Amino acid sequence: MIRGPEASANYLRDLGHLLKEDALEAKRDAEAASGEDAAFARGRSLAYYEVISLMQQQAWVFGIPLEEMSLADINPDKDLI
């Protein structure tokens, strides 16, 4: 088991990647949804938007490059809304 700073860096990189992929999928689902499922799908997509935005803002505050969190290639305002 990896411990210490390396484990934390790996965790952030993996978490960022997984959340980003899920967020993009949620947006696609929201765009394709209709009827009763549409409101749920839009809410799910908005939740991912909030999470990705918060992670990027906190990275900036703590001086963590977005590349280290696998979040440099996503713009929540353009890619998730």
N, C-alpha and C. Protein backbone atom coordinates (compact mmCIF):
# COMPACT_ATOMS: atom_id res chain seq x y z
N MET A 1 0.84 -1.18 0.00
CA MET A 1 0.00 0.00 0.00
C MET A 1 0.89 1.24 0.00
N ILE A 2 0.55 2.16 -0.87
CA ILE A 2 1.28 3.42 -0.97
C ILE A 2 0.76 4.38 0.09
N ARG A 3 1.66 5.04 0.79
CA ARG A 3 1.27 5.99 1.82
C ARG A 3 2.01 7.31 1.62
N GLY A 4 1.52 8.33 2.29
CA GLY A 4 2.19 9.61 2.28
C GLY A 4 1.81 10.48 1.10
N PRO A 5 2.67 11.44 0.78
CA PRO A 5 2.37 12.41 -0.28
C PRO A 5 2.09 11.75 -1.63
N GLU A 6 2.78 10.67 -1.93
CA GLU A 6 2.56 10.00 -3.22
C GLU A 6 1.14 9.44 -3.30
N ALA A 7 0.67 8.87 -2.21
CA ALA A 7 -0.69 8.33 -2.18
C ALA A 7 -1.70 9.45 -2.34
N SER A 8 -1.46 10.57 -1.68
CA SER A 8 -2.39 11.71 -1.79
C SER A 8 -2.42 12.24 -3.21
N ALA A 9 -1.27 12.36 -3.83
CA ALA A 9 -1.21 12.85 -5.21
C ALA A 9 -1.92 11.88 -6.16
N ASN A 10 -1.70 10.59 -5.97
CA ASN A 10 -2.37 9.60 -6.81
C ASN A 10 -3.88 9.64 -6.61
N TYR A 11 -4.30 9.80 -5.36
CA TYR A 11 -5.72 9.87 -5.03
C TYR A 11 -6.37 11.06 -5.74
N LEU A 12 -5.76 12.24 -5.62
CA LEU A 12 -6.33 13.44 -6.25
C LEU A 12 -6.39 13.31 -7.77
N ARG A 13 -5.33 12.77 -8.36
CA ARG A 13 -5.30 12.61 -9.81
C ARG A 13 -6.39 11.65 -10.27
N ASP A 14 -6.53 10.53 -9.58
CA ASP A 14 -7.53 9.53 -9.94
C ASP A 14 -8.94 10.05 -9.69
N LEU A 15 -9.16 10.67 -8.55
CA LEU A 15 -10.48 11.21 -8.22
C LEU A 15 -10.90 12.27 -9.23
N GLY A 16 -10.00 13.17 -9.56
CA GLY A 16 -10.31 14.20 -10.54
C GLY A 16 -10.70 13.59 -11.88
N HIS A 17 -9.94 12.60 -12.32
CA HIS A 17 -10.23 11.94 -13.60
C HIS A 17 -11.61 11.27 -13.56
N LEU A 18 -11.88 10.52 -12.51
CA LEU A 18 -13.16 9.80 -12.41
C LEU A 18 -14.35 10.76 -12.34
N LEU A 19 -14.22 11.82 -11.55
CA LEU A 19 -15.31 12.79 -11.44
C LEU A 19 -15.53 13.53 -12.76
N LYS A 20 -14.44 13.85 -13.44
CA LYS A 20 -14.57 14.53 -14.73
C LYS A 20 -15.30 13.65 -15.74
N GLU A 21 -14.93 12.38 -15.83
CA GLU A 21 -15.59 11.47 -16.75
C GLU A 21 -17.07 11.30 -16.40
N ASP A 22 -17.37 11.17 -15.11
CA ASP A 22 -18.76 11.05 -14.67
C ASP A 22 -19.55 12.32 -14.98
N ALA A 23 -18.92 13.48 -14.79
CA ALA A 23 -19.58 14.76 -15.05
C ALA A 23 -19.95 14.90 -16.52
N LEU A 24 -19.02 14.54 -17.39
CA LEU A 24 -19.29 14.63 -18.83
C LEU A 24 -20.38 13.65 -19.25
N GLU A 25 -20.39 12.47 -18.65
CA GLU A 25 -21.45 11.51 -18.93
C GLU A 25 -22.81 12.03 -18.43
N ALA A 26 -22.81 12.64 -17.26
CA ALA A 26 -24.06 13.19 -16.71
C ALA A 26 -24.60 14.29 -17.61
N LYS A 27 -23.71 15.11 -18.18
CA LYS A 27 -24.17 16.16 -19.10
C LYS A 27 -24.78 15.54 -20.35
N ARG A 28 -24.13 14.52 -20.91
CA ARG A 28 -24.68 13.84 -22.09
C ARG A 28 -26.04 13.24 -21.77
N ASP A 29 -26.15 12.61 -20.60
CA ASP A 29 -27.43 12.02 -20.19
C ASP A 29 -28.51 13.09 -20.05
N ALA A 30 -28.15 14.24 -19.49
CA ALA A 30 -29.12 15.33 -19.31
C ALA A 30 -29.59 15.86 -20.65
N GLU A 31 -28.68 15.95 -21.60
CA GLU A 31 -29.06 16.44 -22.93
C GLU A 31 -29.98 15.46 -23.65
N ALA A 32 -29.82 14.17 -23.37
CA ALA A 32 -30.61 13.15 -24.05
C ALA A 32 -31.92 12.82 -23.33
N ALA A 33 -32.03 13.20 -22.08
CA ALA A 33 -33.19 12.81 -21.27
C ALA A 33 -34.44 13.58 -21.67
N SER A 34 -35.57 12.92 -21.46
CA SER A 34 -36.85 13.58 -21.70
C SER A 34 -37.87 13.07 -20.70
N GLY A 35 -38.98 13.74 -20.64
CA GLY A 35 -40.04 13.31 -19.74
C GLY A 35 -39.65 13.43 -18.28
N GLU A 36 -40.10 12.48 -17.50
CA GLU A 36 -39.88 12.50 -16.06
C GLU A 36 -38.40 12.38 -15.69
N ASP A 37 -37.62 11.75 -16.54
CA ASP A 37 -36.19 11.57 -16.25
C ASP A 37 -35.38 12.84 -16.45
N ALA A 38 -35.91 13.80 -17.18
CA ALA A 38 -35.14 14.99 -17.54
C ALA A 38 -34.75 15.81 -16.32
N ALA A 39 -35.66 16.03 -15.40
CA ALA A 39 -35.35 16.85 -14.22
C ALA A 39 -34.27 16.20 -13.37
N PHE A 40 -34.37 14.89 -13.18
CA PHE A 40 -33.34 14.19 -12.40
C PHE A 40 -31.99 14.28 -13.10
N ALA A 41 -31.98 14.05 -14.41
CA ALA A 41 -30.72 14.08 -15.16
C ALA A 41 -30.09 15.47 -15.12
N ARG A 42 -30.90 16.52 -15.22
CA ARG A 42 -30.35 17.88 -15.14
C ARG A 42 -29.80 18.17 -13.75
N GLY A 43 -30.49 17.71 -12.72
CA GLY A 43 -30.01 17.90 -11.36
C GLY A 43 -28.70 17.19 -11.10
N ARG A 44 -28.60 15.97 -11.61
CA ARG A 44 -27.36 15.19 -11.47
C ARG A 44 -26.21 15.91 -12.18
N SER A 45 -26.48 16.41 -13.37
CA SER A 45 -25.45 17.12 -14.13
C SER A 45 -25.02 18.39 -13.40
N LEU A 46 -25.97 19.12 -12.84
CA LEU A 46 -25.65 20.33 -12.10
C LEU A 46 -24.82 20.02 -10.86
N ALA A 47 -25.11 18.92 -10.20
CA ALA A 47 -24.33 18.53 -9.02
C ALA A 47 -22.86 18.30 -9.39
N TYR A 48 -22.63 17.63 -10.51
CA TYR A 48 -21.24 17.42 -10.96
C TYR A 48 -20.58 18.75 -11.31
N TYR A 49 -21.33 19.65 -11.92
CA TYR A 49 -20.80 20.98 -12.22
C TYR A 49 -20.31 21.64 -10.93
N GLU A 50 -21.12 21.58 -9.89
CA GLU A 50 -20.76 22.19 -8.61
C GLU A 50 -19.49 21.56 -8.02
N VAL A 51 -19.40 20.24 -8.09
CA VAL A 51 -18.25 19.54 -7.52
C VAL A 51 -16.97 19.88 -8.28
N ILE A 52 -17.02 19.80 -9.60
CA ILE A 52 -15.82 20.10 -10.41
C ILE A 52 -15.40 21.55 -10.20
N SER A 53 -16.37 22.47 -10.19
CA SER A 53 -16.05 23.89 -9.96
C SER A 53 -15.39 24.09 -8.60
N LEU A 54 -15.94 23.48 -7.57
CA LEU A 54 -15.38 23.61 -6.23
C LEU A 54 -13.97 23.03 -6.15
N MET A 55 -13.77 21.87 -6.76
CA MET A 55 -12.43 21.27 -6.74
C MET A 55 -11.42 22.18 -7.43
N GLN A 56 -11.80 22.78 -8.54
CA GLN A 56 -10.89 23.69 -9.24
C GLN A 56 -10.62 24.95 -8.42
N GLN A 57 -11.63 25.51 -7.81
CA GLN A 57 -11.45 26.70 -6.99
C GLN A 57 -10.53 26.42 -5.80
N GLN A 58 -10.74 25.30 -5.14
CA GLN A 58 -9.91 24.94 -3.99
C GLN A 58 -8.48 24.65 -4.41
N ALA A 59 -8.31 24.06 -5.57
CA ALA A 59 -6.95 23.82 -6.08
C ALA A 59 -6.24 25.15 -6.25
N TRP A 60 -6.93 26.13 -6.81
CA TRP A 60 -6.33 27.44 -6.99
C TRP A 60 -5.94 28.04 -5.64
N VAL A 61 -6.83 27.97 -4.65
CA VAL A 61 -6.57 28.53 -3.32
C VAL A 61 -5.33 27.89 -2.70
N PHE A 62 -5.18 26.58 -2.86
CA PHE A 62 -4.07 25.87 -2.25
C PHE A 62 -2.84 25.76 -3.15
N GLY A 63 -2.89 26.37 -4.32
CA GLY A 63 -1.75 26.37 -5.22
C GLY A 63 -1.47 25.01 -5.85
N ILE A 64 -2.50 24.23 -6.05
CA ILE A 64 -2.34 22.90 -6.66
C ILE A 64 -2.65 23.04 -8.15
N PRO A 65 -1.68 22.72 -9.02
CA PRO A 65 -1.95 22.80 -10.45
C PRO A 65 -3.08 21.84 -10.84
N LEU A 66 -3.98 22.30 -11.70
CA LEU A 66 -5.11 21.47 -12.12
C LEU A 66 -4.65 20.19 -12.83
N GLU A 67 -3.48 20.23 -13.43
CA GLU A 67 -2.94 19.02 -14.07
C GLU A 67 -2.74 17.90 -13.05
N GLU A 68 -2.38 18.26 -11.83
CA GLU A 68 -2.14 17.25 -10.80
C GLU A 68 -3.43 16.60 -10.33
N MET A 69 -4.56 17.21 -10.69
CA MET A 69 -5.86 16.66 -10.29
C MET A 69 -6.64 16.16 -11.51
N SER A 70 -6.00 16.10 -12.66
CA SER A 70 -6.63 15.69 -13.92
C SER A 70 -7.83 16.58 -14.26
N LEU A 71 -7.77 17.85 -13.89
CA LEU A 71 -8.88 18.76 -14.15
C LEU A 71 -8.48 19.97 -14.98
N ALA A 72 -7.32 19.92 -15.63
CA ALA A 72 -6.87 21.06 -16.42
C ALA A 72 -7.61 21.16 -17.75
N ASP A 73 -8.15 20.05 -18.21
CA ASP A 73 -8.75 20.03 -19.54
C ASP A 73 -10.27 20.10 -19.52
N ILE A 74 -10.83 20.65 -18.45
CA ILE A 74 -12.28 20.82 -18.38
C ILE A 74 -12.59 22.20 -17.83
N ASN A 75 -13.54 22.86 -18.47
CA ASN A 75 -14.03 24.15 -18.03
C ASN A 75 -15.49 23.95 -17.67
N PRO A 76 -15.82 23.89 -16.38
CA PRO A 76 -17.20 23.60 -15.99
C PRO A 76 -18.24 24.51 -16.64
N ASP A 77 -17.91 25.81 -16.78
CA ASP A 77 -18.87 26.74 -17.36
C ASP A 77 -19.15 26.45 -18.84
N LYS A 78 -18.18 25.93 -19.54
CA LYS A 78 -18.36 25.62 -20.96
C LYS A 78 -18.73 24.15 -21.19
N ASP A 79 -18.10 23.26 -20.45
CA ASP A 79 -18.23 21.83 -20.73
C ASP A 79 -19.37 21.14 -19.98
N LEU A 80 -19.84 21.75 -18.90
CA LEU A 80 -20.83 21.04 -18.07
C LEU A 80 -22.18 21.75 -17.97
N ILE A 81 -22.32 22.91 -18.56
CA ILE A 81 -23.61 23.62 -18.50
C ILE A 81 -24.23 23.64 -19.88
